[in-house]
Amino acid sequence: MPRAGWVKPESDRRLSDLVSVGVLMRTFPPDLVDEVIAESGRVQVRNRSLPARVMAYFSIGMALHSEGSYDDVFSLLTDGLSWASEWREEYRPPSRSAIFQARARLGHEPMEALFRRVAAPIGRVGGAGAWLAGRSVVAIDGTCLEVPDTEANDQHFGRPGVSKGERAAFPLARMVALAECGTHAIFAAHVGTYAQSEATLTEALLPDLASDMLLVADRGFFSYALWRKITESTETDLLWRVSTGRSAPKPVFVADLPDGSWLADLRQTHSAAARRAAPMRVRVVDYTIDDGRDNPEVYRLFTTILDPGEAAATDLAATYARRWEIESTFDELKTHQRGPRAVLRSKSPDLVLQEIWGHLCCHFAIRSVMVDVAAYSGSDLERVSFVAALRIARQSIAHQGDFSP
């Protein structure tokens, strides 16, 4: 119910047609949005019809209503903002050109800064499969997002080459992200070009790793250099799969452990400098999965948890399987929130980045609400549907108490 004294202007729009700005403002309060915009130097110098704060919410609203036009998103968003201000603030429908110019004035920096200020691990101790040996299980992985085929996007982001002299249909932005396996919340990300490797983009995320985390990664991430950089510059423990082929890393046996795993040293020998470097002690877990095949695939894990008393080999193998949670997270972001086989709408690199950070902010807002709902109701978070939460956020106006206007 509206608060006493609220007067809703005459309108044929149903409340169920309004965007739930409460979900957005609950996670990204207006005062914080204004502060981040000011720190980014993007405060408007005169009173415009499209203030920077509105455009920040518009960037997230484009992700929430990814299939809507500029006009649709603005109408849904500003109706919700007017409701939030008890109808003290109203917004006239601008032209598409005015919206584009306002987006360009805002740029991507405030949206990136807003995500970095708010996004953080939100898991609670005790979640099933989300913790091991007192460490929060987080995964790292990369994905690519198709962006519009414009000359500016092509020159900035690049695209993969294909055979017979042809080229891929769209340029690609590459993103590497850190996500909690228990909550699917992306709490850190770095966006780059297609030519940049996942390992290169990973280095920008090292400040987001903490001592109470166990970082899980697939075999494509391992290199001696990256493993050394993470272990020497952070206190995060690692649990990474590595390849077992001819070019795979060759751990030097040190000792067997009672749970079937073994200690080993990693040392590069390709140069004199590499041979002089101190070896890196790891624990190796080799196992197969009995799936009925005659020649089951051999899995090899490296971890920095050296004591089997902290985590047995079977627990480490089971925890590695949680790495797939970040694949589900990318599916939520790219298939359900953005839309299947959809290309981002922005035609310039700066606005592409603004749109990507808007998607990350939107996903984090929805996941944050899901965590709180599960905690409040005493439900298992894995039984709370992201698709259902996204649908509700798209269709319902925030009610009294959802946020402070």
Protein backbone atom coordinates (compact mmCIF):
# COMPACT_ATOMS: atom_id res chain seq x y z
CA MET A 1 0.00 0.00 0.00
CA PRO A 2 1.19 3.57 -0.63
CA ARG A 3 2.02 5.74 2.31
CA ALA A 4 -0.55 8.18 3.71
CA GLY A 5 -0.66 11.33 1.62
CA TRP A 6 0.59 9.74 -1.60
CA VAL A 7 -1.36 10.84 -4.63
CA LYS A 8 -0.85 8.88 -7.79
CA PRO A 9 -1.39 10.82 -11.00
CA GLU A 10 -4.02 9.52 -13.35
CA SER A 11 -2.46 6.83 -15.51
CA ASP A 12 -3.55 3.70 -17.29
CA ARG A 13 -0.28 1.96 -16.39
CA ARG A 14 -0.61 -0.98 -14.02
CA LEU A 15 1.77 -1.27 -11.11
CA SER A 16 2.79 -4.68 -12.45
CA ASP A 17 4.08 -2.89 -15.55
CA LEU A 18 6.55 -0.78 -13.56
CA VAL A 19 10.18 -1.70 -13.11
CA SER A 20 11.08 -2.68 -9.56
CA VAL A 21 13.50 0.15 -8.95
CA GLY A 22 13.43 -0.92 -5.31
CA VAL A 23 15.63 -3.88 -6.23
CA LEU A 24 18.12 -1.49 -7.83
CA MET A 25 17.95 1.28 -5.23
CA ARG A 26 18.16 -1.21 -2.39
CA THR A 27 21.55 -2.38 -3.66
CA PHE A 28 22.67 0.93 -5.18
CA PRO A 29 21.25 3.72 -2.96
CA PRO A 30 20.83 7.17 -4.57
CA ASP A 31 23.32 8.82 -2.22
CA LEU A 32 25.98 6.26 -3.17
CA VAL A 33 25.21 6.68 -6.87
CA ASP A 34 25.62 10.46 -6.53
CA GLU A 35 28.88 10.00 -4.62
CA VAL A 36 30.37 7.68 -7.22
CA ILE A 37 29.31 9.96 -10.06
CA ALA A 38 30.92 12.93 -8.30
CA GLU A 39 34.15 10.99 -7.74
CA SER A 40 34.17 10.10 -11.45
CA GLY A 41 33.81 13.77 -12.41
CA ARG A 42 30.60 13.17 -14.35
CA VAL A 43 28.22 15.44 -12.40
CA GLN A 44 26.20 17.60 -14.80
CA VAL A 45 27.21 21.26 -14.74
CA ARG A 46 23.64 22.46 -15.22
CA ASN A 47 20.20 21.12 -14.42
CA ARG A 48 19.47 18.76 -17.28
CA SER A 49 16.28 16.83 -17.95
CA LEU A 50 18.37 13.63 -17.77
CA PRO A 51 20.57 13.93 -14.66
CA ALA A 52 23.53 11.63 -14.24
CA ARG A 53 21.88 9.66 -11.42
CA VAL A 54 18.91 8.82 -13.65
CA MET A 55 21.25 7.70 -16.41
CA ALA A 56 23.15 5.45 -13.98
CA TYR A 57 19.90 3.71 -13.09
CA PHE A 58 19.01 3.71 -16.79
CA SER A 59 22.22 1.76 -17.53
CA ILE A 60 21.17 -0.90 -15.04
CA GLY A 61 17.58 -0.72 -16.29
CA MET A 62 18.75 -1.56 -19.80
CA ALA A 63 20.10 -4.81 -18.38
CA LEU A 64 16.94 -5.51 -16.41
CA HIS A 65 14.83 -4.88 -19.54
CA SER A 66 17.35 -5.98 -22.14
CA GLU A 67 14.72 -6.53 -24.82
CA GLY A 68 13.08 -3.13 -24.37
CA SER A 69 13.73 -0.06 -26.49
CA TYR A 70 15.27 3.10 -25.07
CA ASP A 71 11.76 4.57 -24.79
CA ASP A 72 10.37 1.51 -23.01
CA VAL A 73 13.24 1.29 -20.52
CA PHE A 74 13.11 5.00 -19.73
CA SER A 75 9.34 4.93 -19.23
CA LEU A 76 9.46 1.92 -16.92
CA LEU A 77 12.43 3.25 -14.99
CA THR A 78 11.22 6.80 -14.45
CA ASP A 79 7.72 5.70 -13.44
CA GLY A 80 9.40 3.69 -10.70
CA LEU A 81 11.68 6.58 -9.70
CA SER A 82 8.69 8.91 -9.52
CA TRP A 83 6.89 6.43 -7.30
CA ALA A 84 9.99 6.19 -5.10
CA SER A 85 10.04 9.98 -4.63
CA GLU A 86 6.33 9.99 -3.69
CA TRP A 87 5.71 11.64 -7.07
CA ARG A 88 7.71 14.74 -6.12
CA GLU A 89 9.96 14.08 -9.12
CA GLU A 90 8.58 13.49 -12.58
CA TYR A 91 10.41 13.06 -15.87
CA ARG A 92 9.30 14.03 -19.32
CA PRO A 93 9.89 11.44 -22.03
CA PRO A 94 13.08 12.48 -23.83
CA SER A 95 14.00 11.75 -27.42
CA ARG A 96 16.19 8.78 -28.23
CA SER A 97 18.90 11.22 -29.26
CA ALA A 98 18.73 12.91 -25.85
CA ILE A 99 19.05 9.54 -24.10
CA PHE A 100 22.05 8.62 -26.25
CA GLN A 101 23.75 11.94 -25.51
CA ALA A 102 23.07 11.54 -21.78
CA ARG A 103 24.57 8.04 -21.85
CA ALA A 104 27.64 9.43 -23.59
CA ARG A 105 27.99 12.17 -20.97
CA LEU A 106 27.88 9.58 -18.19
CA GLY A 107 30.40 7.23 -19.82
CA HIS A 108 31.36 3.84 -18.41
CA GLU A 109 33.61 4.91 -15.52
CA PRO A 110 30.82 5.65 -12.99
CA MET A 111 29.14 2.31 -13.70
CA GLU A 112 32.40 0.42 -13.28
CA ALA A 113 33.13 2.35 -10.07
CA LEU A 114 29.59 1.70 -8.78
CA PHE A 115 29.98 -2.04 -9.29
CA ARG A 116 33.40 -2.08 -7.64
CA ARG A 117 32.13 -0.10 -4.65
CA VAL A 118 29.14 -2.37 -4.00
CA ALA A 119 29.97 -5.86 -5.30
CA ALA A 120 31.46 -8.07 -2.60
CA PRO A 121 31.17 -11.65 -1.37
CA ILE A 122 27.71 -12.12 0.16
CA GLY A 123 27.75 -15.82 1.09
CA ARG A 124 27.01 -16.89 4.62
CA VAL A 125 29.08 -19.53 6.42
CA GLY A 126 27.40 -22.92 6.32
CA GLY A 127 26.05 -22.88 2.80
CA ALA A 128 26.13 -26.33 1.20
CA GLY A 129 29.26 -26.75 -0.91
CA ALA A 130 30.11 -23.07 -0.57
CA TRP A 131 32.87 -23.47 2.03
CA LEU A 132 35.80 -25.82 2.52
CA ALA A 133 38.17 -25.82 5.48
CA GLY A 134 36.91 -22.43 6.59
CA ARG A 135 37.41 -20.92 3.14
CA SER A 136 34.78 -19.52 0.82
CA VAL A 137 34.84 -21.38 -2.51
CA VAL A 138 35.09 -18.88 -5.38
CA ALA A 139 35.65 -19.60 -9.06
CA ILE A 140 37.32 -17.69 -11.83
CA ASP A 141 36.50 -17.98 -15.50
CA GLY A 142 36.23 -15.95 -18.66
CA THR A 143 33.53 -15.39 -21.25
CA CYS A 144 33.01 -13.32 -24.37
CA LEU A 145 30.14 -10.95 -25.19
CA GLU A 146 29.14 -10.09 -28.75
CA VAL A 147 28.97 -6.37 -29.45
CA PRO A 148 27.48 -4.51 -32.44
CA ASP A 149 29.45 -4.65 -35.67
CA THR A 150 30.62 -1.07 -35.92
CA GLU A 151 34.01 0.18 -37.02
CA ALA A 152 34.72 1.66 -33.58
CA ASN A 153 33.82 -1.56 -31.75
CA ASP A 154 35.80 -3.64 -34.24
CA GLN A 155 38.93 -1.54 -33.82
CA HIS A 156 38.70 -1.46 -30.04
CA PHE A 157 37.57 -4.98 -29.13
CA GLY A 158 38.62 -7.04 -32.16
CA ARG A 159 37.12 -10.31 -33.28
CA PRO A 160 38.25 -13.90 -33.83
CA GLY A 161 39.55 -14.91 -37.20
CA VAL A 162 37.91 -17.69 -39.17
CA SER A 163 38.98 -19.89 -42.05
CA LYS A 164 39.02 -19.07 -45.77
CA GLY A 165 39.67 -15.37 -45.27
CA GLU A 166 36.32 -14.68 -43.64
CA ARG A 167 35.84 -13.15 -40.21
CA ALA A 168 33.46 -13.60 -37.30
CA ALA A 169 30.13 -11.82 -37.52
CA PHE A 170 30.61 -9.62 -34.45
CA PRO A 171 33.45 -8.12 -32.40
CA LEU A 172 33.86 -9.64 -28.95
CA ALA A 173 34.56 -8.15 -25.54
CA ARG A 174 36.34 -10.58 -23.23
CA MET A 175 35.50 -10.60 -19.53
CA VAL A 176 37.09 -12.50 -16.64
CA ALA A 177 35.13 -12.64 -13.40
CA LEU A 178 35.25 -13.95 -9.85
CA ALA A 179 32.05 -15.49 -8.50
CA GLU A 180 31.04 -17.16 -5.27
CA CYS A 181 30.14 -20.77 -5.98
CA GLY A 182 27.53 -20.78 -3.22
CA THR A 183 25.63 -17.64 -4.24
CA HIS A 184 26.50 -17.17 -7.94
CA ALA A 185 27.29 -13.55 -7.08
CA ILE A 186 29.94 -11.98 -9.31
CA PHE A 187 31.93 -9.82 -6.92
CA ALA A 188 34.79 -8.77 -9.20
CA ALA A 189 35.31 -8.54 -12.95
CA HIS A 190 37.62 -7.11 -15.55
CA VAL A 191 36.58 -6.36 -19.12
CA GLY A 192 39.07 -6.24 -21.96
CA THR A 193 39.47 -6.88 -25.65
CA TYR A 194 39.25 -10.18 -27.47
CA ALA A 195 43.02 -10.23 -28.04
CA GLN A 196 43.75 -10.09 -24.31
CA SER A 197 44.17 -13.50 -22.72
CA GLU A 198 42.25 -14.64 -19.67
CA ALA A 199 45.53 -14.86 -17.74
CA THR A 200 46.30 -11.20 -18.52
CA LEU A 201 42.85 -10.07 -17.39
CA THR A 202 43.14 -12.24 -14.27
CA GLU A 203 46.04 -10.18 -12.93
CA ALA A 204 43.73 -7.18 -12.50
CA LEU A 205 41.56 -9.24 -10.12
CA LEU A 206 44.29 -10.20 -7.66
CA PRO A 207 43.45 -7.34 -5.22
CA ASP A 208 39.94 -8.82 -4.91
CA LEU A 209 41.23 -12.14 -3.53
CA ALA A 210 41.26 -12.61 0.24
CA SER A 211 42.84 -15.00 2.73
CA ASP A 212 39.52 -16.68 3.54
CA MET A 213 38.96 -17.79 -0.07
CA LEU A 214 39.70 -20.95 -2.04
CA LEU A 215 40.04 -20.04 -5.71
CA VAL A 216 38.97 -22.77 -8.14
CA ALA A 217 39.95 -22.63 -11.81
CA ASP A 218 39.86 -24.83 -14.89
CA ARG A 219 43.00 -26.14 -16.61
CA GLY A 220 43.12 -23.28 -19.12
CA PHE A 221 44.24 -20.86 -16.41
CA PHE A 222 47.37 -22.60 -15.17
CA SER A 223 50.80 -21.26 -15.91
CA TYR A 224 53.90 -21.25 -13.73
CA ALA A 225 53.99 -17.45 -13.87
CA LEU A 226 50.36 -16.89 -12.89
CA TRP A 227 50.46 -19.51 -10.12
CA ARG A 228 53.58 -17.89 -8.67
CA LYS A 229 52.16 -14.38 -8.94
CA ILE A 230 48.95 -15.31 -7.11
CA THR A 231 50.63 -17.32 -4.37
CA GLU A 232 53.27 -14.65 -3.75
CA SER A 233 51.00 -11.58 -3.91
CA THR A 234 47.88 -12.90 -2.14
CA GLU A 235 47.01 -15.18 0.77
CA THR A 236 44.29 -16.95 -1.18
CA ASP A 237 44.47 -20.74 -1.46
CA LEU A 238 44.24 -22.29 -4.92
CA LEU A 239 42.57 -25.42 -6.28
CA TRP A 240 43.21 -25.62 -10.00
CA ARG A 241 42.85 -28.37 -12.52
CA VAL A 242 45.88 -28.84 -14.79
CA SER A 243 46.28 -30.77 -17.99
CA THR A 244 47.99 -34.14 -18.10
CA GLY A 245 49.17 -34.18 -21.70
CA ARG A 246 52.66 -34.06 -23.13
CA SER A 247 53.02 -30.30 -22.58
CA ALA A 248 51.50 -30.42 -19.09
CA PRO A 249 53.39 -29.14 -16.02
CA LYS A 250 55.70 -31.76 -14.54
CA PRO A 251 55.50 -31.77 -10.73
CA VAL A 252 58.56 -33.26 -9.01
CA PHE A 253 57.56 -35.86 -6.41
CA VAL A 254 58.33 -35.02 -2.78
CA ALA A 255 56.20 -37.26 -0.54
CA ASP A 256 53.07 -39.39 -0.46
CA LEU A 257 50.19 -38.37 1.79
CA PRO A 258 47.82 -40.74 3.64
CA ASP A 259 44.72 -39.75 1.65
CA GLY A 260 46.26 -40.75 -1.70
CA SER A 261 47.39 -37.27 -2.70
CA TRP A 262 51.07 -36.32 -2.84
CA LEU A 263 53.35 -33.36 -2.34
CA ALA A 264 55.41 -32.04 -5.22
CA ASP A 265 57.57 -29.13 -6.28
CA LEU A 266 56.94 -27.05 -9.37
CA ARG A 267 60.02 -25.72 -11.07
CA GLN A 268 60.53 -24.37 -14.55
CA THR A 269 63.68 -25.40 -16.39
CA HIS A 270 63.39 -23.47 -19.64
CA SER A 271 65.99 -20.87 -18.63
CA ALA A 272 68.77 -20.29 -16.14
CA ALA A 273 66.68 -17.67 -14.30
CA ALA A 274 63.77 -20.11 -14.02
CA ARG A 275 66.07 -22.81 -12.63
CA ARG A 276 67.37 -20.41 -9.97
CA ALA A 277 63.86 -19.50 -8.77
CA ALA A 278 62.65 -21.23 -5.62
CA PRO A 279 60.38 -24.20 -6.34
CA MET A 280 56.68 -23.90 -5.56
CA ARG A 281 55.32 -26.58 -3.22
CA VAL A 282 51.94 -27.98 -4.23
CA ARG A 283 49.72 -30.89 -3.31
CA VAL A 284 48.65 -33.07 -6.22
CA VAL A 285 45.33 -34.90 -6.39
CA ASP A 286 44.88 -37.44 -9.19
CA TYR A 287 41.52 -39.13 -9.68
CA THR A 288 39.05 -40.45 -12.21
CA ILE A 289 35.26 -40.42 -12.24
CA ASP A 290 33.50 -43.74 -12.66
CA ASP A 291 30.98 -42.81 -15.36
CA GLY A 292 30.83 -46.18 -17.10
CA ARG A 293 33.35 -45.41 -19.84
CA ASP A 294 36.10 -47.91 -20.64
CA ASN A 295 38.82 -45.24 -20.45
CA PRO A 296 37.70 -42.62 -17.92
CA GLU A 297 39.36 -39.23 -18.06
CA VAL A 298 42.14 -38.58 -15.56
CA TYR A 299 41.78 -35.41 -13.52
CA ARG A 300 44.76 -33.74 -11.89
CA LEU A 301 44.41 -30.93 -9.35
CA PHE A 302 47.05 -28.68 -7.85
CA THR A 303 46.28 -27.05 -4.52
CA THR A 304 48.06 -24.91 -1.95
CA ILE A 305 46.21 -26.66 0.90
CA LEU A 306 49.06 -29.01 1.75
CA ASP A 307 47.66 -30.64 4.90
CA PRO A 308 45.19 -33.49 4.24
CA GLY A 309 43.92 -32.92 7.76
CA GLU A 310 42.41 -29.64 6.56
CA ALA A 311 40.85 -31.03 3.40
CA ALA A 312 40.93 -34.64 2.23
CA ALA A 313 41.57 -35.48 -1.40
CA THR A 314 37.95 -36.59 -1.88
CA ASP A 315 36.73 -33.26 -0.50
CA LEU A 316 39.01 -31.37 -2.86
CA ALA A 317 37.77 -33.35 -5.86
CA ALA A 318 34.16 -32.71 -4.85
CA THR A 319 34.88 -29.01 -4.35
CA TYR A 320 36.50 -28.70 -7.76
CA ALA A 321 33.20 -29.82 -9.28
CA ARG A 322 31.70 -26.61 -7.88
CA ARG A 323 33.71 -24.70 -10.49
CA TRP A 324 30.83 -25.26 -12.85
CA GLU A 325 28.74 -22.85 -10.78
CA ILE A 326 30.41 -19.93 -12.54
CA GLU A 327 29.33 -21.42 -15.86
CA SER A 328 25.75 -21.29 -14.56
CA THR A 329 26.36 -17.71 -13.45
CA PHE A 330 27.44 -16.69 -16.96
CA ASP A 331 24.34 -18.47 -18.30
CA GLU A 332 22.17 -16.37 -15.98
CA LEU A 333 23.87 -13.21 -17.19
CA LYS A 334 24.06 -13.97 -20.91
CA THR A 335 21.06 -16.20 -21.61
CA HIS A 336 18.36 -15.10 -19.18
CA GLN A 337 19.21 -11.52 -18.29
CA ARG A 338 20.68 -10.37 -21.61
CA GLY A 339 18.65 -12.77 -23.75
CA PRO A 340 19.75 -15.81 -25.79
CA ARG A 341 21.75 -15.08 -28.91
CA ALA A 342 21.42 -11.35 -28.21
CA VAL A 343 24.05 -8.79 -29.13
CA LEU A 344 24.68 -5.82 -26.87
CA ARG A 345 23.04 -2.67 -28.18
CA SER A 346 25.79 -0.03 -27.83
CA LYS A 347 27.66 1.09 -30.95
CA SER A 348 30.74 2.66 -29.34
CA PRO A 349 33.35 1.06 -27.04
CA ASP A 350 32.65 3.43 -24.13
CA LEU A 351 28.93 2.68 -24.18
CA VAL A 352 29.57 -1.05 -24.63
CA LEU A 353 31.58 -0.97 -21.40
CA GLN A 354 28.84 1.06 -19.72
CA GLU A 355 26.30 -1.56 -20.81
CA ILE A 356 28.43 -4.47 -19.58
CA TRP A 357 28.93 -2.88 -16.15
CA GLY A 358 25.19 -2.19 -16.05
CA HIS A 359 24.57 -5.90 -16.62
CA LEU A 360 26.99 -6.80 -13.83
CA CYS A 361 25.30 -4.33 -11.45
CA CYS A 362 21.87 -5.73 -12.33
CA HIS A 363 22.94 -9.34 -11.80
CA PHE A 364 24.54 -8.52 -8.45
CA ALA A 365 21.40 -6.68 -7.29
CA ILE A 366 19.17 -9.64 -8.10
CA ARG A 367 21.54 -12.15 -6.51
CA SER A 368 21.79 -10.01 -3.37
CA VAL A 369 18.02 -10.01 -2.98
CA MET A 370 17.93 -13.78 -3.52
CA VAL A 371 20.48 -14.34 -0.73
CA ASP A 372 18.46 -12.19 1.68
CA VAL A 373 15.19 -13.87 0.73
CA ALA A 374 16.69 -17.33 1.29
CA ALA A 375 18.12 -16.26 4.67
CA TYR A 376 14.85 -14.64 5.78
CA SER A 377 12.71 -17.62 4.81
CA GLY A 378 15.19 -20.24 5.98
CA SER A 379 15.29 -21.74 2.49
CA ASP A 380 18.19 -23.29 0.64
CA LEU A 381 19.50 -20.68 -1.79
CA GLU A 382 19.85 -23.33 -4.49
CA ARG A 383 16.06 -23.71 -4.41
CA VAL A 384 15.55 -20.00 -5.20
CA SER A 385 15.24 -19.54 -8.96
CA PHE A 386 17.22 -16.77 -10.66
CA VAL A 387 14.79 -16.82 -13.59
CA ALA A 388 11.84 -16.33 -11.24
CA ALA A 389 13.65 -13.54 -9.36
CA LEU A 390 14.48 -11.81 -12.65
CA ARG A 391 10.87 -12.07 -13.80
CA ILE A 392 9.58 -10.59 -10.53
CA ALA A 393 12.10 -7.76 -10.68
CA ARG A 394 10.96 -6.96 -14.20
CA GLN A 395 7.26 -6.98 -13.42
CA SER A 396 6.75 -5.52 -9.96
CA ILE A 397 7.07 -2.09 -8.40
CA ALA A 398 8.90 -1.88 -5.09
CA HIS A 399 6.58 -1.64 -2.12
CA GLN A 400 6.82 0.41 1.05
CA GLY A 401 9.86 -0.61 3.04
CA ASP A 402 11.80 -2.02 0.10
CA PHE A 403 14.00 1.03 0.02
CA SER A 404 14.36 4.55 1.35
CA PRO A 405 13.16 7.12 -1.22
